[in-house]
């Protein structure tokens, strides 16, 4: 199962970057595969483990913000795992002439 998690603190007492840094240990301690990116985090694993992680992230975020917006999208399909890697690999196998990412712009 894949999930996309976004945690957005509103009325925060600390910087957004500090809050995200405080959430990283929750990811590391979980049994889930994960990939943090600019707009959220992709999670892979069991539904119960995903929901437990969301609950822990909510608890930590609420310690630093008066209001927290949590967005969770779940893609529940029958596969044996490795979906984060496989999803991107399938696109790469198409041998596109354009790169999948540009992290630095040239001026």
PDB file of N, CA and C in Angstrom:
ATOM      1  N   UNK A   1       0.848  -1.170   0.000  1.00  0.00           N
ATOM      2  CA  UNK A   1       0.000   0.000   0.000  1.00  0.00           C
ATOM      3  C   UNK A   1       0.893   1.233   0.000  1.00  0.00           C
ATOM      4  N   UNK A   2       0.567   2.192  -0.840  1.00  0.00           N
ATOM      5  CA  UNK A   2       1.254   3.472  -0.875  1.00  0.00           C
ATOM      6  C   UNK A   2       0.371   4.543  -0.249  1.00  0.00           C
ATOM      7  N   UNK A   3       1.013   5.503   0.389  1.00  0.00           N
ATOM      8  CA  UNK A   3       0.283   6.639   0.947  1.00  0.00           C
ATOM      9  C   UNK A   3       1.112   7.897   0.748  1.00  0.00           C
ATOM     10  N   UNK A   4       0.428   8.993   0.585  1.00  0.00           N
ATOM     11  CA  UNK A   4       1.064  10.303   0.484  1.00  0.00           C
ATOM     12  C   UNK A   4       0.612  11.100   1.692  1.00  0.00           C
ATOM     13  N   UNK A   5       1.557  11.552   2.502  1.00  0.00           N
ATOM     14  CA  UNK A   5       1.252  12.275   3.733  1.00  0.00           C
ATOM     15  C   UNK A   5       1.779  13.697   3.647  1.00  0.00           C
ATOM     16  N   UNK A   6       0.923  14.631   4.004  1.00  0.00           N
ATOM     17  CA  UNK A   6       1.319  16.029   4.120  1.00  0.00           C
ATOM     18  C   UNK A   6       0.883  16.524   5.493  1.00  0.00           C
ATOM     19  N   UNK A   7       1.823  17.088   6.213  1.00  0.00           N
ATOM     20  CA  UNK A   7       1.543  17.669   7.520  1.00  0.00           C
ATOM     21  C   UNK A   7       1.846  19.155   7.409  1.00  0.00           C
ATOM     22  N   UNK A   8       0.832  19.978   7.600  1.00  0.00           N
ATOM     23  CA  UNK A   8       0.994  21.425   7.486  1.00  0.00           C
ATOM     24  C   UNK A   8       0.618  22.085   8.799  1.00  0.00           C
ATOM     25  N   UNK A   9       1.604  22.647   9.493  1.00  0.00           N
ATOM     26  CA  UNK A   9       1.296  23.344  10.745  1.00  0.00           C
ATOM     27  C   UNK A   9       0.746  24.733  10.435  1.00  0.00           C
ATOM     28  N   UNK A  10      -0.276  25.118  11.133  1.00  0.00           N
ATOM     29  CA  UNK A  10      -0.835  26.462  11.038  1.00  0.00           C
ATOM     30  C   UNK A  10      -0.707  27.094  12.419  1.00  0.00           C
ATOM     31  N   UNK A  11      -0.468  28.388  12.455  1.00  0.00           N
ATOM     32  CA  UNK A  11      -0.293  29.071  13.738  1.00  0.00           C
ATOM     33  C   UNK A  11       0.815  28.387  14.534  1.00  0.00           C
ATOM     34  N   UNK A  12       1.967  28.200  13.853  1.00  0.00           N
ATOM     35  CA  UNK A  12       3.071  27.449  14.431  1.00  0.00           C
ATOM     36  C   UNK A  12       3.934  28.289  15.373  1.00  0.00           C
ATOM     37  N   UNK A  13       4.548  27.611  16.318  1.00  0.00           N
ATOM     38  CA  UNK A  13       5.428  28.251  17.287  1.00  0.00           C
ATOM     39  C   UNK A  13       6.898  28.107  16.892  1.00  0.00           C
ATOM     40  N   UNK A  14       7.170  27.284  15.868  1.00  0.00           N
ATOM     41  CA  UNK A  14       8.524  27.065  15.379  1.00  0.00           C
ATOM     42  C   UNK A  14       8.506  27.126  13.860  1.00  0.00           C
ATOM     43  N   UNK A  15       9.689  27.112  13.250  1.00  0.00           N
ATOM     44  CA  UNK A  15       9.745  27.159  11.786  1.00  0.00           C
ATOM     45  C   UNK A  15       9.220  25.852  11.191  1.00  0.00           C
ATOM     46  N   UNK A  16       8.740  25.963   9.966  1.00  0.00           N
ATOM     47  CA  UNK A  16       8.249  24.784   9.265  1.00  0.00           C
ATOM     48  C   UNK A  16       9.363  23.748   9.122  1.00  0.00           C
ATOM     49  N   UNK A  17      10.563  24.192   8.768  1.00  0.00           N
ATOM     50  CA  UNK A  17      11.699  23.273   8.611  1.00  0.00           C
ATOM     51  C   UNK A  17      12.003  22.548   9.915  1.00  0.00           C
ATOM     52  N   UNK A  18      11.926  23.252  11.048  1.00  0.00           N
ATOM     53  CA  UNK A  18      12.181  22.626  12.352  1.00  0.00           C
ATOM     54  C   UNK A  18      11.122  21.565  12.640  1.00  0.00           C
ATOM     55  N   UNK A  19       9.877  21.862  12.309  1.00  0.00           N
ATOM     56  CA  UNK A  19       8.813  20.884  12.535  1.00  0.00           C
ATOM     57  C   UNK A  19       9.045  19.631  11.703  1.00  0.00           C
ATOM     58  N   UNK A  20       9.377  19.808  10.439  1.00  0.00           N
ATOM     59  CA  UNK A  20       9.635  18.643   9.582  1.00  0.00           C
ATOM     60  C   UNK A  20      10.814  17.849  10.122  1.00  0.00           C
ATOM     61  N   UNK A  21      11.850  18.540  10.565  1.00  0.00           N
ATOM     62  CA  UNK A  21      13.008  17.854  11.151  1.00  0.00           C
ATOM     63  C   UNK A  21      12.598  17.045  12.381  1.00  0.00           C
ATOM     64  N   UNK A  22      11.648  17.552  13.158  1.00  0.00           N
ATOM     65  CA  UNK A  22      11.164  16.821  14.336  1.00  0.00           C
ATOM     66  C   UNK A  22      10.329  15.600  13.956  1.00  0.00           C
ATOM     67  N   UNK A  23       9.779  15.604  12.736  1.00  0.00           N
ATOM     68  CA  UNK A  23       8.969  14.460  12.291  1.00  0.00           C
ATOM     69  C   UNK A  23       9.825  13.344  11.674  1.00  0.00           C
ATOM     70  N   UNK A  24      11.022  13.653  11.223  1.00  0.00           N
ATOM     71  CA  UNK A  24      11.878  12.649  10.572  1.00  0.00           C
ATOM     72  C   UNK A  24      12.148  11.436  11.473  1.00  0.00           C
ATOM     73  N   UNK A  25      12.450  11.608  12.775  1.00  0.00           N
ATOM     74  CA  UNK A  25      12.669  10.424  13.613  1.00  0.00           C
ATOM     75  C   UNK A  25      11.473   9.468  13.657  1.00  0.00           C
ATOM     76  N   UNK A  26      10.264   9.998  13.514  1.00  0.00           N
ATOM     77  CA  UNK A  26       9.070   9.146  13.485  1.00  0.00           C
ATOM     78  C   UNK A  26       9.136   8.235  12.263  1.00  0.00           C
ATOM     79  N   UNK A  27       9.574   8.777  11.136  1.00  0.00           N
ATOM     80  CA  UNK A  27       9.729   7.970   9.925  1.00  0.00           C
ATOM     81  C   UNK A  27      10.806   6.908  10.112  1.00  0.00           C
ATOM     82  N   UNK A  28      11.929   7.326  10.655  1.00  0.00           N
ATOM     83  CA  UNK A  28      13.067   6.413  10.831  1.00  0.00           C
ATOM     84  C   UNK A  28      12.712   5.260  11.769  1.00  0.00           C
ATOM     85  N   UNK A  29      11.968   5.555  12.822  1.00  0.00           N
ATOM     86  CA  UNK A  29      11.598   4.535  13.800  1.00  0.00           C
ATOM     87  C   UNK A  29      10.498   3.600  13.305  1.00  0.00           C
ATOM     88  N   UNK A  30       9.772   4.003  12.286  1.00  0.00           N
ATOM     89  CA  UNK A  30       8.673   3.176  11.785  1.00  0.00           C
ATOM     90  C   UNK A  30       9.218   2.049  10.913  1.00  0.00           C
ATOM     91  N   UNK A  31       8.431   1.003  10.703  1.00  0.00           N
ATOM     92  CA  UNK A  31       8.845  -0.081   9.810  1.00  0.00           C
ATOM     93  C   UNK A  31       8.556   0.233   8.331  1.00  0.00           C
ATOM     94  N   UNK A  32       8.027   1.412   8.056  1.00  0.00           N
ATOM     95  CA  UNK A  32       7.603   1.768   6.705  1.00  0.00           C
ATOM     96  C   UNK A  32       8.768   2.170   5.817  1.00  0.00           C
ATOM     97  N   UNK A  33       8.617   1.905   4.522  1.00  0.00           N
ATOM     98  CA  UNK A  33       9.494   2.524   3.539  1.00  0.00           C
ATOM     99  C   UNK A  33       8.969   3.937   3.359  1.00  0.00           C
ATOM    100  N   UNK A  34       9.861   4.897   3.137  1.00  0.00           N
ATOM    101  CA  UNK A  34       9.406   6.273   2.969  1.00  0.00           C
ATOM    102  C   UNK A  34      10.347   7.047   2.073  1.00  0.00           C
ATOM    103  N   UNK A  35       9.812   8.131   1.530  1.00  0.00           N
ATOM    104  CA  UNK A  35      10.591   9.058   0.713  1.00  0.00           C
ATOM    105  C   UNK A  35      10.048  10.456   0.997  1.00  0.00           C
ATOM    106  N   UNK A  36      10.891  11.286   1.605  1.00  0.00           N
ATOM    107  CA  UNK A  36      10.523  12.669   1.891  1.00  0.00           C
ATOM    108  C   UNK A  36      10.826  13.500   0.654  1.00  0.00           C
ATOM    109  N   UNK A  37       9.906  14.355   0.278  1.00  0.00           N
ATOM    110  CA  UNK A  37      10.137  15.252  -0.850  1.00  0.00           C
ATOM    111  C   UNK A  37       9.576  16.625  -0.520  1.00  0.00           C
ATOM    112  N   UNK A  38       9.666  17.537  -1.426  1.00  0.00           N
ATOM    113  CA  UNK A  38       9.360  18.943  -1.154  1.00  0.00           C
ATOM    114  C   UNK A  38       7.924  19.201  -0.707  1.00  0.00           C
ATOM    115  N   UNK A  39       6.980  18.399  -1.146  1.00  0.00           N
ATOM    116  CA  UNK A  39       5.581  18.676  -0.852  1.00  0.00           C
ATOM    117  C   UNK A  39       4.921  17.661   0.073  1.00  0.00           C
ATOM    118  N   UNK A  40       5.689  16.717   0.596  1.00  0.00           N
ATOM    119  CA  UNK A  40       5.111  15.708   1.469  1.00  0.00           C
ATOM    120  C   UNK A  40       6.025  14.511   1.580  1.00  0.00           C
ATOM    121  N   UNK A  41       5.456  13.407   1.998  1.00  0.00           N
ATOM    122  CA  UNK A  41       6.213  12.173   2.182  1.00  0.00           C
ATOM    123  C   UNK A  41       5.413  11.009   1.617  1.00  0.00           C
ATOM    124  N   UNK A  42       6.067  10.186   0.819  1.00  0.00           N
ATOM    125  CA  UNK A  42       5.462   8.964   0.323  1.00  0.00           C
ATOM    126  C   UNK A  42       5.792   7.858   1.308  1.00  0.00           C
ATOM    127  N   UNK A  43       4.782   7.091   1.687  1.00  0.00           N
ATOM    128  CA  UNK A  43       4.931   5.986   2.634  1.00  0.00           C
ATOM    129  C   UNK A  43       4.530   4.691   1.942  1.00  0.00           C
ATOM    130  N   UNK A  44       5.152   3.600   2.361  1.00  0.00           N
ATOM    131  CA  UNK A  44       4.758   2.293   1.845  1.00  0.00           C
ATOM    132  C   UNK A  44       4.753   1.289   2.988  1.00  0.00           C
ATOM    133  N   UNK A  45       3.661   0.551   3.100  1.00  0.00           N
ATOM    134  CA  UNK A  45       3.571  -0.476   4.132  1.00  0.00           C
ATOM    135  C   UNK A  45       2.141  -0.833   4.443  1.00  0.00           C
ATOM    136  N   UNK A  46       1.964  -1.412   5.595  1.00  0.00           N
ATOM    137  CA  UNK A  46       0.668  -1.867   6.082  1.00  0.00           C
ATOM    138  C   UNK A  46      -0.195  -0.673   6.514  1.00  0.00           C
ATOM    139  N   UNK A  47      -1.499  -0.759   6.273  1.00  0.00           N
ATOM    140  CA  UNK A  47      -2.415   0.324   6.622  1.00  0.00           C
ATOM    141  C   UNK A  47      -2.309   0.691   8.104  1.00  0.00           C
ATOM    142  N   UNK A  48      -2.283  -0.291   8.972  1.00  0.00           N
ATOM    143  CA  UNK A  48      -2.193  -0.017  10.406  1.00  0.00           C
ATOM    144  C   UNK A  48      -0.921   0.741  10.767  1.00  0.00           C
ATOM    145  N   UNK A  49       0.194   0.377  10.133  1.00  0.00           N
ATOM    146  CA  UNK A  49       1.460   1.063  10.385  1.00  0.00           C
ATOM    147  C   UNK A  49       1.426   2.488   9.851  1.00  0.00           C
ATOM    148  N   UNK A  50       0.800   2.678   8.693  1.00  0.00           N
ATOM    149  CA  UNK A  50       0.673   4.023   8.125  1.00  0.00           C
ATOM    150  C   UNK A  50      -0.166   4.905   9.046  1.00  0.00           C
ATOM    151  N   UNK A  51      -1.306   4.395   9.499  1.00  0.00           N
ATOM    152  CA  UNK A  51      -2.180   5.188  10.363  1.00  0.00           C
ATOM    153  C   UNK A  51      -1.528   5.471  11.714  1.00  0.00           C
ATOM    154  N   UNK A  52      -0.752   4.524  12.233  1.00  0.00           N
ATOM    155  CA  UNK A  52      -0.029   4.752  13.486  1.00  0.00           C
ATOM    156  C   UNK A  52       0.999   5.868  13.320  1.00  0.00           C
ATOM    157  N   UNK A  53       1.681   5.886  12.185  1.00  0.00           N
ATOM    158  CA  UNK A  53       2.650   6.938  11.913  1.00  0.00           C
ATOM    159  C   UNK A  53       1.958   8.293  11.802  1.00  0.00           C
ATOM    160  N   UNK A  54       0.832   8.337  11.126  1.00  0.00           N
ATOM    161  CA  UNK A  54       0.078   9.588  10.995  1.00  0.00           C
ATOM    162  C   UNK A  54      -0.328  10.100  12.378  1.00  0.00           C
ATOM    163  N   UNK A  55      -0.759   9.205  13.235  1.00  0.00           N
ATOM    164  CA  UNK A  55      -1.155   9.613  14.587  1.00  0.00           C
ATOM    165  C   UNK A  55       0.036  10.173  15.364  1.00  0.00           C
ATOM    166  N   UNK A  56       1.192   9.527  15.263  1.00  0.00           N
ATOM    167  CA  UNK A  56       2.394  10.023  15.945  1.00  0.00           C
ATOM    168  C   UNK A  56       2.813  11.388  15.377  1.00  0.00           C
ATOM    169  N   UNK A  57       2.760  11.526  14.055  1.00  0.00           N
ATOM    170  CA  UNK A  57       3.117  12.803  13.427  1.00  0.00           C
ATOM    171  C   UNK A  57       2.168  13.910  13.889  1.00  0.00           C
ATOM    172  N   UNK A  58       0.903  13.594  13.998  1.00  0.00           N
ATOM    173  CA  UNK A  58      -0.079  14.567  14.478  1.00  0.00           C
ATOM    174  C   UNK A  58       0.253  15.019  15.896  1.00  0.00           C
ATOM    175  N   UNK A  59       0.576  14.081  16.749  1.00  0.00           N
ATOM    176  CA  UNK A  59       0.901  14.400  18.147  1.00  0.00           C
ATOM    177  C   UNK A  59       2.098  15.344  18.224  1.00  0.00           C
ATOM    178  N   UNK A  60       3.144  15.042  17.480  1.00  0.00           N
ATOM    179  CA  UNK A  60       4.338  15.895  17.487  1.00  0.00           C
ATOM    180  C   UNK A  60       4.022  17.268  16.894  1.00  0.00           C
ATOM    181  N   UNK A  61       3.307  17.305  15.799  1.00  0.00           N
ATOM    182  CA  UNK A  61       2.982  18.576  15.161  1.00  0.00           C
ATOM    183  C   UNK A  61       2.150  19.467  16.081  1.00  0.00           C
ATOM    184  N   UNK A  62       1.221  18.873  16.797  1.00  0.00           N
ATOM    185  CA  UNK A  62       0.366  19.654  17.709  1.00  0.00           C
ATOM    186  C   UNK A  62       1.144  20.215  18.888  1.00  0.00           C
ATOM    187  N   UNK A  63       2.281  19.626  19.228  1.00  0.00           N
ATOM    188  CA  UNK A  63       3.126  20.177  20.290  1.00  0.00           C
ATOM    189  C   UNK A  63       3.708  21.530  19.865  1.00  0.00           C
ATOM    190  N   UNK A  64       3.797  21.761  18.560  1.00  0.00           N
ATOM    191  CA  UNK A  64       4.452  22.964  18.036  1.00  0.00           C
ATOM    192  C   UNK A  64       3.515  23.909  17.291  1.00  0.00           C
ATOM    193  N   UNK A  65       2.271  23.537  17.148  1.00  0.00           N
ATOM    194  CA  UNK A  65       1.341  24.377  16.383  1.00  0.00           C
ATOM    195  C   UNK A  65      -0.042  24.327  17.017  1.00  0.00           C
ATOM    196  N   UNK A  66      -0.725  25.454  16.950  1.00  0.00           N
ATOM    197  CA  UNK A  66      -2.084  25.522  17.500  1.00  0.00           C
ATOM    198  C   UNK A  66      -3.093  24.843  16.595  1.00  0.00           C
ATOM    199  N   UNK A  67      -2.697  24.654  15.344  1.00  0.00           N
ATOM    200  CA  UNK A  67      -3.589  24.026  14.372  1.00  0.00           C
ATOM    201  C   UNK A  67      -2.733  23.251  13.381  1.00  0.00           C
ATOM    202  N   UNK A  68      -3.176  22.063  12.996  1.00  0.00           N
ATOM    203  CA  UNK A  68      -2.420  21.215  12.071  1.00  0.00           C
ATOM    204  C   UNK A  68      -3.369  20.661  11.017  1.00  0.00           C
ATOM    205  N   UNK A  69      -2.969  20.819   9.764  1.00  0.00           N
ATOM    206  CA  UNK A  69      -3.712  20.243   8.653  1.00  0.00           C
ATOM    207  C   UNK A  69      -2.962  18.990   8.206  1.00  0.00           C
ATOM    208  N   UNK A  70      -3.643  17.856   8.188  1.00  0.00           N
ATOM    209  CA  UNK A  70      -3.036  16.600   7.747  1.00  0.00           C
ATOM    210  C   UNK A  70      -3.813  16.096   6.542  1.00  0.00           C
ATOM    211  N   UNK A  71      -3.080  15.846   5.465  1.00  0.00           N
ATOM    212  CA  UNK A  71      -3.669  15.289   4.254  1.00  0.00           C
ATOM    213  C   UNK A  71      -3.055  13.918   4.026  1.00  0.00           C
ATOM    214  N   UNK A  72      -3.897  12.921   3.809  1.00  0.00           N
ATOM    215  CA  UNK A  72      -3.438  11.556   3.591  1.00  0.00           C
ATOM    216  C   UNK A  72      -4.178  10.966   2.403  1.00  0.00           C
ATOM    217  N   UNK A  73      -3.415  10.555   1.404  1.00  0.00           N
ATOM    218  CA  UNK A  73      -3.982   9.852   0.254  1.00  0.00           C
ATOM    219  C   UNK A  73      -3.445   8.433   0.279  1.00  0.00           C
ATOM    220  N   UNK A  74      -4.311   7.473   0.046  1.00  0.00           N
ATOM    221  CA  UNK A  74      -3.909   6.064   0.105  1.00  0.00           C
ATOM    222  C   UNK A  74      -4.217   5.389  -1.221  1.00  0.00           C
ATOM    223  N   UNK A  75      -3.235   4.666  -1.731  1.00  0.00           N
ATOM    224  CA  UNK A  75      -3.386   3.841  -2.931  1.00  0.00           C
ATOM    225  C   UNK A  75      -3.272   2.390  -2.473  1.00  0.00           C
ATOM    226  N   UNK A  76      -4.409   1.729  -2.346  1.00  0.00           N
ATOM    227  CA  UNK A  76      -4.460   0.355  -1.842  1.00  0.00           C
ATOM    228  C   UNK A  76      -4.645  -0.587  -3.019  1.00  0.00           C
ATOM    229  N   UNK A  77      -3.576  -1.284  -3.354  1.00  0.00           N
ATOM    230  CA  UNK A  77      -3.645  -2.235  -4.466  1.00  0.00           C
ATOM    231  C   UNK A  77      -2.890  -3.496  -4.083  1.00  0.00           C
ATOM    232  N   UNK A  78      -3.138  -4.539  -4.789  1.00  0.00           N
ATOM    233  CA  UNK A  78      -2.541  -5.821  -4.477  1.00  0.00           C
ATOM    234  C   UNK A  78      -1.192  -5.961  -5.171  1.00  0.00           C
ATOM    235  N   UNK A  79      -0.152  -5.668  -4.436  1.00  0.00           N
ATOM    236  CA  UNK A  79       1.224  -5.869  -4.895  1.00  0.00           C
ATOM    237  C   UNK A  79       2.029  -6.385  -3.719  1.00  0.00           C
ATOM    238  N   UNK A  80       3.186  -6.914  -3.986  1.00  0.00           N
ATOM    239  CA  UNK A  80       3.963  -7.538  -2.921  1.00  0.00           C
ATOM    240  C   UNK A  80       4.944  -6.602  -2.238  1.00  0.00           C
ATOM    241  N   UNK A  81       4.929  -5.342  -2.524  1.00  0.00           N
ATOM    242  CA  UNK A  81       5.852  -4.405  -1.884  1.00  0.00           C
ATOM    243  C   UNK A  81       6.799  -3.795  -2.893  1.00  0.00           C
ATOM    244  N   UNK A  82       7.586  -2.851  -2.431  1.00  0.00           N
ATOM    245  CA  UNK A  82       8.523  -2.172  -3.302  1.00  0.00           C
ATOM    246  C   UNK A  82       7.859  -1.208  -4.256  1.00  0.00           C
ATOM    247  N   UNK A  83       6.674  -0.746  -3.908  1.00  0.00           N
ATOM    248  CA  UNK A  83       5.899   0.090  -4.820  1.00  0.00           C
ATOM    249  C   UNK A  83       6.544   1.450  -5.069  1.00  0.00           C
ATOM    250  N   UNK A  84       7.198   2.022  -4.069  1.00  0.00           N
ATOM    251  CA  UNK A  84       7.852   3.319  -4.276  1.00  0.00           C
ATOM    252  C   UNK A  84       8.871   3.200  -5.396  1.00  0.00           C
ATOM    253  N   UNK A  85       9.685   2.171  -5.337  1.00  0.00           N
ATOM    254  CA  UNK A  85      10.726   1.954  -6.344  1.00  0.00           C
ATOM    255  C   UNK A  85      10.103   1.546  -7.672  1.00  0.00           C
ATOM    256  N   UNK A  86       9.162   0.603  -7.640  1.00  0.00           N
ATOM    257  CA  UNK A  86       8.560   0.090  -8.876  1.00  0.00           C
ATOM    258  C   UNK A  86       7.813   1.171  -9.652  1.00  0.00           C
ATOM    259  N   UNK A  87       7.116   2.050  -8.946  1.00  0.00           N
ATOM    260  CA  UNK A  87       6.351   3.095  -9.629  1.00  0.00           C
ATOM    261  C   UNK A  87       7.260   3.970 -10.481  1.00  0.00           C
ATOM    262  N   UNK A  88       8.373   4.396  -9.925  1.00  0.00           N
ATOM    263  CA  UNK A  88       9.316   5.220 -10.683  1.00  0.00           C
ATOM    264  C   UNK A  88      10.059   4.406 -11.722  1.00  0.00           C
ATOM    265  N   UNK A  89      10.361   3.170 -11.393  1.00  0.00           N
ATOM    266  CA  UNK A  89      11.099   2.317 -12.330  1.00  0.00           C
ATOM    267  C   UNK A  89      10.299   2.084 -13.613  1.00  0.00           C
ATOM    268  N   UNK A  90       9.002   1.915 -13.488  1.00  0.00           N
ATOM    269  CA  UNK A  90       8.163   1.707 -14.670  1.00  0.00           C
ATOM    270  C   UNK A  90       8.231   2.905 -15.608  1.00  0.00           C
ATOM    271  N   UNK A  91       8.247   4.095 -15.040  1.00  0.00           N
ATOM    272  CA  UNK A  91       8.359   5.296 -15.867  1.00  0.00           C
ATOM    273  C   UNK A  91       9.745   5.366 -16.502  1.00  0.00           C
ATOM    274  N   UNK A  92      10.775   5.073 -15.728  1.00  0.00           N
ATOM    275  CA  UNK A  92      12.143   5.105 -16.261  1.00  0.00           C
ATOM    276  C   UNK A  92      12.328   4.096 -17.399  1.00  0.00           C
ATOM    277  N   UNK A  93      11.651   2.953 -17.328  1.00  0.00           N
ATOM    278  CA  UNK A  93      11.773   1.935 -18.362  1.00  0.00           C
ATOM    279  C   UNK A  93      11.238   2.408 -19.716  1.00  0.00           C
ATOM    280  N   UNK A  94      10.445   3.452 -19.718  1.00  0.00           N
ATOM    281  CA  UNK A  94       9.932   3.993 -20.965  1.00  0.00           C
ATOM    282  C   UNK A  94      11.010   4.772 -21.725  1.00  0.00           C
ATOM    283  N   UNK A  95      12.141   4.962 -21.075  1.00  0.00           N
ATOM    284  CA  UNK A  95      13.293   5.645 -21.686  1.00  0.00           C
ATOM    285  C   UNK A  95      12.884   6.997 -22.265  1.00  0.00           C
ATOM    286  N   UNK A  96      12.294   7.803 -21.432  1.00  0.00           N
ATOM    287  CA  UNK A  96      11.873   9.136 -21.843  1.00  0.00           C
ATOM    288  C   UNK A  96      13.089   9.980 -22.215  1.00  0.00           C
ATOM    289  N   UNK A  97      12.898  10.881 -23.130  1.00  0.00           N
ATOM    290  CA  UNK A  97      14.000  11.750 -23.533  1.00  0.00           C
ATOM    291  C   UNK A  97      14.192  12.900 -22.542  1.00  0.00           C
ATOM    292  N   UNK A  98      13.254  13.084 -21.638  1.00  0.00           N
ATOM    293  CA  UNK A  98      13.352  14.146 -20.640  1.00  0.00           C
ATOM    294  C   UNK A  98      13.624  13.538 -19.262  1.00  0.00           C
ATOM    295  N   UNK A  99      14.430  14.215 -18.451  1.00  0.00           N
ATOM    296  CA  UNK A  99      14.717  13.704 -17.106  1.00  0.00           C
ATOM    297  C   UNK A  99      13.473  13.776 -16.207  1.00  0.00           C
ATOM    298  N   UNK A 100      13.431  12.936 -15.191  1.00  0.00           N
ATOM    299  CA  UNK A 100      12.299  12.930 -14.265  1.00  0.00           C
ATOM    300  C   UNK A 100      12.387  14.047 -13.216  1.00  0.00           C
ATOM    301  N   UNK A 101      13.548  14.660 -13.104  1.00  0.00           N
ATOM    302  CA  UNK A 101      13.680  15.738 -12.139  1.00  0.00           C
ATOM    303  C   UNK A 101      14.732  16.746 -12.597  1.00  0.00           C
ATOM    304  N   UNK A 102      14.591  17.960 -12.126  1.00  0.00           N
ATOM    305  CA  UNK A 102      15.607  19.004 -12.283  1.00  0.00           C
ATOM    306  C   UNK A 102      15.694  19.679 -10.923  1.00  0.00           C
ATOM    307  N   UNK A 103      16.790  19.473 -10.240  1.00  0.00           N
ATOM    308  CA  UNK A 103      16.926  20.012  -8.899  1.00  0.00           C
ATOM    309  C   UNK A 103      17.668  21.347  -8.865  1.00  0.00           C
ATOM    310  N   UNK A 104      18.364  21.674  -9.947  1.00  0.00           N
ATOM    311  CA  UNK A 104      19.070  22.937 -10.042  1.00  0.00           C
ATOM    312  C   UNK A 104      18.731  23.569 -11.386  1.00  0.00           C
ATOM    313  N   UNK A 105      18.401  24.838 -11.362  1.00  0.00           N
ATOM    314  CA  UNK A 105      18.126  25.522 -12.628  1.00  0.00           C
ATOM    315  C   UNK A 105      19.375  26.243 -13.087  1.00  0.00           C
ATOM    316  N   UNK A 106      19.585  26.235 -14.371  1.00  0.00           N
ATOM    317  CA  UNK A 106      20.722  26.930 -14.945  1.00  0.00           C
ATOM    318  C   UNK A 106      20.264  28.296 -15.430  1.00  0.00           C
ATOM    319  N   UNK A 107      21.044  29.301 -15.155  1.00  0.00           N
ATOM    320  CA  UNK A 107      20.664  30.662 -15.569  1.00  0.00           C
ATOM    321  C   UNK A 107      21.702  31.250 -16.452  1.00  0.00           C
TER     322      UNK A 107
END
